[in-house]
């Protein structure tokens, strides 16, 4: 059985799922960062399919880059939070890795979900 990678983004300022947030996935090969895919969260704050589906799932170092500045809307002043990078490792190719993000315009939290 092959593993897969998912996310769920909740907007804690509104108390709602963060719909329409762009999320980029990168894979590290030594110190080289390679873009894998760009996805956008749906009305439930999730992507419609796994960010890294079973056929592409591999042990390694990864980064999810959440585009929160665009999600919360830009003004003429710089946003306090613009991009949130979360770097993590996958060491079990048969496991489900879930990386949730709780975010407001001024703070964020994450953990390894289930």
Protein backbone atom coordinates (compact mmCIF):
# COMPACT_ATOMS: atom_id res chain seq x y z
CA UNK A 1 0.00 0.00 0.00
CA UNK A 2 1.38 3.41 -0.99
CA UNK A 3 1.02 6.54 1.10
CA UNK A 4 -0.20 9.99 0.13
CA UNK A 5 -0.05 13.63 1.27
CA UNK A 6 -3.00 15.90 2.11
CA UNK A 7 -3.65 19.26 3.76
CA UNK A 8 -6.56 21.15 5.30
CA UNK A 9 -6.44 24.92 5.81
CA UNK A 10 -8.70 26.66 8.32
CA UNK A 11 -9.04 30.44 8.52
CA UNK A 12 -9.17 31.04 12.27
CA UNK A 13 -10.01 34.73 11.79
CA UNK A 14 -13.30 33.89 10.10
CA UNK A 15 -13.85 30.48 11.66
CA UNK A 16 -14.25 28.98 8.18
CA UNK A 17 -12.27 26.75 5.83
CA UNK A 18 -9.73 28.70 3.76
CA UNK A 19 -11.24 28.28 0.29
CA UNK A 20 -9.21 29.41 -2.72
CA UNK A 21 -5.75 29.37 -1.14
CA UNK A 22 -2.88 28.48 -3.45
CA UNK A 23 -0.51 25.80 -2.11
CA UNK A 24 2.77 24.79 -3.76
CA UNK A 25 4.59 21.54 -3.06
CA UNK A 26 8.37 21.29 -3.43
CA UNK A 27 10.68 18.27 -3.11
CA UNK A 28 14.31 18.62 -2.03
CA UNK A 29 17.04 16.67 -3.80
CA UNK A 30 20.04 17.41 -1.57
CA UNK A 31 19.86 21.22 -1.41
CA UNK A 32 18.02 21.67 -4.72
CA UNK A 33 14.33 22.59 -4.33
CA UNK A 34 12.14 21.23 -7.16
CA UNK A 35 8.57 22.37 -7.72
CA UNK A 36 6.21 19.38 -7.82
CA UNK A 37 2.69 20.80 -8.06
CA UNK A 38 0.49 23.82 -7.39
CA UNK A 39 -3.02 23.28 -6.06
CA UNK A 40 -5.85 25.48 -4.74
CA UNK A 41 -7.99 24.66 -1.73
CA UNK A 42 -11.68 23.96 -2.29
CA UNK A 43 -14.71 25.21 -0.31
CA UNK A 44 -13.77 22.85 2.54
CA UNK A 45 -10.18 24.19 2.73
CA UNK A 46 -8.79 20.97 1.25
CA UNK A 47 -7.45 20.09 -2.17
CA UNK A 48 -9.75 18.04 -4.39
CA UNK A 49 -7.12 15.30 -4.70
CA UNK A 50 -4.06 14.41 -2.60
CA UNK A 51 -1.24 16.92 -3.07
CA UNK A 52 1.14 14.01 -3.50
CA UNK A 53 -0.83 10.97 -4.68
CA UNK A 54 0.25 7.36 -4.16
CA UNK A 55 2.01 6.93 -7.55
CA UNK A 56 4.31 9.93 -6.84
CA UNK A 57 4.73 9.38 -3.09
CA UNK A 58 8.36 8.86 -2.05
CA UNK A 59 10.59 9.12 0.99
CA UNK A 60 12.31 12.50 1.16
CA UNK A 61 12.26 16.10 2.30
CA UNK A 62 9.38 18.33 1.19
CA UNK A 63 7.98 21.84 1.59
CA UNK A 64 4.41 23.04 1.41
CA UNK A 65 4.27 26.76 0.62
CA UNK A 66 0.94 28.33 1.55
CA UNK A 67 0.14 31.65 -0.19
CA UNK A 68 -1.66 33.30 2.72
CA UNK A 69 -0.94 36.90 1.68
CA UNK A 70 -2.90 36.43 -1.53
CA UNK A 71 -5.66 34.60 0.32
CA UNK A 72 -6.18 37.37 2.89
CA UNK A 73 -5.90 40.03 0.19
CA UNK A 74 -3.17 42.52 -0.34
CA UNK A 75 -3.33 46.21 0.40
CA UNK A 76 -0.71 48.85 -0.28
CA UNK A 77 0.99 47.90 2.99
CA UNK A 78 2.91 44.60 3.10
CA UNK A 79 1.02 41.75 4.73
CA UNK A 80 2.40 40.53 8.05
CA UNK A 81 2.23 36.94 6.74
CA UNK A 82 2.77 36.45 3.03
CA UNK A 83 3.99 32.91 2.37
CA UNK A 84 4.13 30.18 5.01
CA UNK A 85 6.66 27.43 4.25
CA UNK A 86 6.31 24.16 6.15
CA UNK A 87 9.24 21.80 5.63
CA UNK A 88 8.83 18.19 6.66
CA UNK A 89 10.16 14.73 5.98
CA UNK A 90 8.42 11.65 4.69
CA UNK A 91 10.07 8.48 5.95
CA UNK A 92 7.28 5.90 5.65
CA UNK A 93 6.21 5.34 2.02
CA UNK A 94 3.05 3.49 3.13
CA UNK A 95 1.66 6.16 5.48
CA UNK A 96 -0.85 8.98 5.05
CA UNK A 97 0.86 12.31 5.80
CA UNK A 98 -1.56 15.11 6.61
CA UNK A 99 -0.28 18.68 7.16
CA UNK A 100 -3.07 20.94 8.42
CA UNK A 101 -2.68 24.71 8.70
CA UNK A 102 -4.60 26.97 11.09
CA UNK A 103 -4.06 30.53 9.92
CA UNK A 104 -5.08 34.15 10.50
CA UNK A 105 -3.54 37.29 8.98
CA UNK A 106 -1.21 37.46 12.01
CA UNK A 107 -0.46 33.90 13.14
CA UNK A 108 -0.42 30.24 12.15
CA UNK A 109 -0.09 26.77 13.61
CA UNK A 110 0.48 23.33 12.14
CA UNK A 111 0.97 19.75 13.24
CA UNK A 112 1.13 16.26 11.77
CA UNK A 113 -2.49 15.31 11.39
CA UNK A 114 -4.16 12.02 10.64
